[in-house]
Amino acid sequence: MKEQNVKHIKLTNSKTVTMRAPKVGDLRAIKGVQDEEERELALIANLTGLTQDELDEMELKEYRKLQAALMELGGFLERPGATF
């Protein structure tokens, strides 16, 4: 995978999460999810390999780092934090 198509996000617990750029298939996979927050969570889970439970337990300041990375990689959010 090309390095420009991934983001490495450092979390405060010394963990680094790798997020790949979204593909059309990722958007198709979440199109049936009606709730915007749930759609975003599902997309971030797909792109990082994190589980929904791991995302649910994440502090909001850490989750916002993932939102920002999604934006940089061509995600669909208007701006980080727009859904909360």
N, C-alpha and C. Protein backbone atom coordinates (compact mmCIF):
# COMPACT_ATOMS: atom_id res chain seq x y z
N MET A 1 0.85 -1.17 0.00
CA MET A 1 0.00 0.00 0.00
C MET A 1 0.90 1.24 0.00
N LYS A 2 0.61 2.18 -0.85
CA LYS A 2 1.40 3.39 -0.93
C LYS A 2 1.27 4.17 0.37
N GLU A 3 2.40 4.74 0.81
CA GLU A 3 2.41 5.47 2.07
C GLU A 3 1.46 6.66 2.07
N GLN A 4 1.24 7.30 0.91
CA GLN A 4 0.32 8.44 0.88
C GLN A 4 -1.13 8.00 1.04
N ASN A 5 -1.38 6.71 0.93
CA ASN A 5 -2.74 6.19 1.08
C ASN A 5 -3.01 5.65 2.48
N VAL A 6 -2.10 5.91 3.40
CA VAL A 6 -2.29 5.49 4.79
C VAL A 6 -1.90 6.62 5.73
N LYS A 7 -2.47 6.57 6.91
CA LYS A 7 -2.12 7.50 7.99
C LYS A 7 -1.79 6.66 9.21
N HIS A 8 -0.75 7.05 9.91
CA HIS A 8 -0.39 6.41 11.17
C HIS A 8 -0.75 7.39 12.27
N ILE A 9 -1.70 7.02 13.10
CA ILE A 9 -2.22 7.91 14.13
C ILE A 9 -1.69 7.45 15.48
N LYS A 10 -0.92 8.33 16.14
CA LYS A 10 -0.39 8.01 17.46
C LYS A 10 -1.42 8.39 18.51
N LEU A 11 -1.73 7.43 19.36
CA LEU A 11 -2.66 7.67 20.46
C LEU A 11 -1.86 7.90 21.73
N THR A 12 -2.50 8.45 22.74
CA THR A 12 -1.78 8.80 23.96
C THR A 12 -1.33 7.58 24.76
N ASN A 13 -1.89 6.42 24.50
CA ASN A 13 -1.49 5.21 25.22
C ASN A 13 -0.31 4.50 24.55
N SER A 14 0.41 5.22 23.69
CA SER A 14 1.57 4.71 22.95
C SER A 14 1.19 3.76 21.82
N LYS A 15 -0.08 3.57 21.59
CA LYS A 15 -0.53 2.73 20.48
C LYS A 15 -0.58 3.57 19.21
N THR A 16 -0.21 2.96 18.10
CA THR A 16 -0.33 3.62 16.80
C THR A 16 -1.34 2.85 15.97
N VAL A 17 -2.32 3.57 15.45
CA VAL A 17 -3.36 2.98 14.61
C VAL A 17 -3.07 3.37 13.17
N THR A 18 -3.13 2.41 12.27
CA THR A 18 -2.94 2.68 10.85
C THR A 18 -4.30 2.70 10.17
N MET A 19 -4.53 3.77 9.41
CA MET A 19 -5.78 3.92 8.67
C MET A 19 -5.45 4.02 7.19
N ARG A 20 -6.11 3.20 6.39
CA ARG A 20 -5.92 3.28 4.94
C ARG A 20 -6.97 4.20 4.34
N ALA A 21 -6.72 4.63 3.13
CA ALA A 21 -7.67 5.49 2.43
C ALA A 21 -8.93 4.71 2.10
N PRO A 22 -10.09 5.37 2.19
CA PRO A 22 -11.33 4.69 1.83
C PRO A 22 -11.41 4.39 0.34
N LYS A 23 -12.06 3.28 0.04
CA LYS A 23 -12.30 2.87 -1.35
C LYS A 23 -13.80 2.88 -1.59
N VAL A 24 -14.18 2.80 -2.82
CA VAL A 24 -15.61 2.79 -3.17
C VAL A 24 -16.31 1.66 -2.44
N GLY A 25 -15.68 0.51 -2.35
CA GLY A 25 -16.28 -0.63 -1.66
C GLY A 25 -16.57 -0.35 -0.19
N ASP A 26 -15.73 0.47 0.44
CA ASP A 26 -15.97 0.84 1.84
C ASP A 26 -17.25 1.66 1.95
N LEU A 27 -17.44 2.58 1.02
CA LEU A 27 -18.66 3.39 1.05
C LEU A 27 -19.89 2.55 0.75
N ARG A 28 -19.75 1.60 -0.16
CA ARG A 28 -20.87 0.70 -0.47
C ARG A 28 -21.23 -0.15 0.75
N ALA A 29 -20.21 -0.55 1.50
CA ALA A 29 -20.43 -1.41 2.66
C ALA A 29 -21.23 -0.71 3.76
N ILE A 30 -21.16 0.61 3.82
CA ILE A 30 -21.85 1.33 4.89
C ILE A 30 -23.09 2.08 4.41
N LYS A 31 -23.43 1.95 3.14
CA LYS A 31 -24.53 2.77 2.61
C LYS A 31 -25.88 2.42 3.23
N GLY A 32 -26.05 1.24 3.74
CA GLY A 32 -27.31 0.86 4.35
C GLY A 32 -27.47 1.35 5.79
N VAL A 33 -26.41 1.89 6.35
CA VAL A 33 -26.46 2.40 7.72
C VAL A 33 -27.05 3.80 7.69
N GLN A 34 -28.20 3.98 8.33
CA GLN A 34 -28.92 5.25 8.26
C GLN A 34 -28.34 6.33 9.17
N ASP A 35 -27.92 5.96 10.36
CA ASP A 35 -27.43 6.92 11.33
C ASP A 35 -26.02 7.39 10.96
N GLU A 36 -25.82 8.69 10.88
CA GLU A 36 -24.54 9.25 10.44
C GLU A 36 -23.38 8.86 11.35
N GLU A 37 -23.59 8.89 12.66
CA GLU A 37 -22.52 8.52 13.59
C GLU A 37 -22.15 7.04 13.43
N GLU A 38 -23.17 6.19 13.29
CA GLU A 38 -22.90 4.76 13.12
C GLU A 38 -22.19 4.48 11.79
N ARG A 39 -22.55 5.23 10.77
CA ARG A 39 -21.91 5.08 9.46
C ARG A 39 -20.43 5.46 9.56
N GLU A 40 -20.14 6.56 10.24
CA GLU A 40 -18.76 6.98 10.43
C GLU A 40 -17.97 5.96 11.23
N LEU A 41 -18.56 5.46 12.33
CA LEU A 41 -17.90 4.44 13.14
C LEU A 41 -17.59 3.19 12.32
N ALA A 42 -18.55 2.75 11.52
CA ALA A 42 -18.35 1.56 10.68
C ALA A 42 -17.24 1.79 9.67
N LEU A 43 -17.19 2.97 9.08
CA LEU A 43 -16.15 3.27 8.10
C LEU A 43 -14.78 3.30 8.76
N ILE A 44 -14.67 3.97 9.90
CA ILE A 44 -13.39 4.02 10.61
C ILE A 44 -12.96 2.62 11.03
N ALA A 45 -13.89 1.80 11.49
CA ALA A 45 -13.56 0.41 11.85
C ALA A 45 -13.03 -0.34 10.63
N ASN A 46 -13.68 -0.18 9.48
CA ASN A 46 -13.22 -0.86 8.26
C ASN A 46 -11.82 -0.42 7.87
N LEU A 47 -11.53 0.86 8.01
CA LEU A 47 -10.26 1.41 7.53
C LEU A 47 -9.10 1.18 8.48
N THR A 48 -9.41 0.92 9.76
CA THR A 48 -8.35 0.74 10.75
C THR A 48 -8.20 -0.69 11.24
N GLY A 49 -9.25 -1.49 11.09
CA GLY A 49 -9.22 -2.83 11.66
C GLY A 49 -9.61 -2.86 13.13
N LEU A 50 -9.94 -1.69 13.69
CA LEU A 50 -10.42 -1.65 15.07
C LEU A 50 -11.85 -2.17 15.12
N THR A 51 -12.22 -2.75 16.24
CA THR A 51 -13.59 -3.23 16.39
C THR A 51 -14.49 -2.09 16.87
N GLN A 52 -15.78 -2.28 16.72
CA GLN A 52 -16.74 -1.29 17.23
C GLN A 52 -16.55 -1.12 18.74
N ASP A 53 -16.30 -2.22 19.45
CA ASP A 53 -16.09 -2.13 20.90
C ASP A 53 -14.85 -1.31 21.23
N GLU A 54 -13.77 -1.50 20.47
CA GLU A 54 -12.56 -0.71 20.70
C GLU A 54 -12.83 0.78 20.47
N LEU A 55 -13.58 1.09 19.44
CA LEU A 55 -13.92 2.48 19.17
C LEU A 55 -14.83 3.04 20.27
N ASP A 56 -15.78 2.24 20.73
CA ASP A 56 -16.69 2.69 21.80
C ASP A 56 -15.94 3.02 23.08
N GLU A 57 -14.87 2.30 23.36
CA GLU A 57 -14.10 2.50 24.59
C GLU A 57 -13.04 3.60 24.45
N MET A 58 -12.86 4.11 23.27
CA MET A 58 -11.84 5.12 23.01
C MET A 58 -12.28 6.47 23.56
N GLU A 59 -11.33 7.19 24.16
CA GLU A 59 -11.62 8.55 24.61
C GLU A 59 -11.92 9.42 23.40
N LEU A 60 -12.80 10.38 23.58
CA LEU A 60 -13.24 11.22 22.47
C LEU A 60 -12.07 11.96 21.82
N LYS A 61 -11.11 12.43 22.63
CA LYS A 61 -9.96 13.15 22.04
C LYS A 61 -9.16 12.23 21.11
N GLU A 62 -9.11 10.95 21.42
CA GLU A 62 -8.41 9.99 20.55
C GLU A 62 -9.23 9.73 19.29
N TYR A 63 -10.55 9.60 19.47
CA TYR A 63 -11.42 9.36 18.32
C TYR A 63 -11.36 10.52 17.33
N ARG A 64 -11.24 11.72 17.85
CA ARG A 64 -11.14 12.89 16.97
C ARG A 64 -9.88 12.83 16.10
N LYS A 65 -8.83 12.22 16.59
CA LYS A 65 -7.63 12.02 15.78
C LYS A 65 -7.95 11.11 14.59
N LEU A 66 -8.77 10.09 14.83
CA LEU A 66 -9.17 9.20 13.74
C LEU A 66 -10.07 9.93 12.75
N GLN A 67 -10.96 10.79 13.26
CA GLN A 67 -11.82 11.59 12.37
C GLN A 67 -10.97 12.50 11.48
N ALA A 68 -9.96 13.13 12.07
CA ALA A 68 -9.09 14.02 11.30
C ALA A 68 -8.33 13.25 10.23
N ALA A 69 -7.85 12.06 10.57
CA ALA A 69 -7.14 11.23 9.60
C ALA A 69 -8.08 10.82 8.46
N LEU A 70 -9.32 10.51 8.79
CA LEU A 70 -10.30 10.15 7.77
C LEU A 70 -10.50 11.30 6.80
N MET A 71 -10.59 12.50 7.31
CA MET A 71 -10.74 13.68 6.45
C MET A 71 -9.54 13.83 5.52
N GLU A 72 -8.35 13.67 6.06
CA GLU A 72 -7.13 13.81 5.26
C GLU A 72 -7.04 12.75 4.17
N LEU A 73 -7.61 11.60 4.42
CA LEU A 73 -7.55 10.50 3.45
C LEU A 73 -8.71 10.52 2.46
N GLY A 74 -9.55 11.53 2.55
CA GLY A 74 -10.64 11.63 1.59
C GLY A 74 -11.95 11.10 2.10
N GLY A 75 -12.14 11.16 3.41
CA GLY A 75 -13.40 10.70 3.99
C GLY A 75 -14.53 11.66 3.68
N PHE A 76 -15.70 11.34 4.18
CA PHE A 76 -16.90 12.07 3.82
C PHE A 76 -17.30 13.14 4.81
N LEU A 77 -16.62 13.28 5.93
CA LEU A 77 -17.01 14.26 6.93
C LEU A 77 -16.73 15.67 6.45
N GLU A 78 -17.56 16.60 6.87
CA GLU A 78 -17.31 18.00 6.55
C GLU A 78 -16.10 18.51 7.31
N ARG A 79 -15.99 18.14 8.56
CA ARG A 79 -14.86 18.53 9.40
C ARG A 79 -14.82 17.57 10.58
N PRO A 80 -13.65 17.39 11.20
CA PRO A 80 -13.59 16.52 12.37
C PRO A 80 -14.53 17.01 13.45
N GLY A 81 -15.25 16.09 14.04
CA GLY A 81 -16.16 16.43 15.11
C GLY A 81 -17.53 16.88 14.64
N ALA A 82 -17.77 16.89 13.36
CA ALA A 82 -19.02 17.40 12.83
C ALA A 82 -20.22 16.58 13.27
N THR A 83 -20.01 15.31 13.58
CA THR A 83 -21.14 14.46 13.92
C THR A 83 -21.40 14.40 15.41
N PHE A 84 -20.58 15.04 16.23
CA PHE A 84 -20.76 14.98 17.68
C PHE A 84 -21.01 16.35 18.23
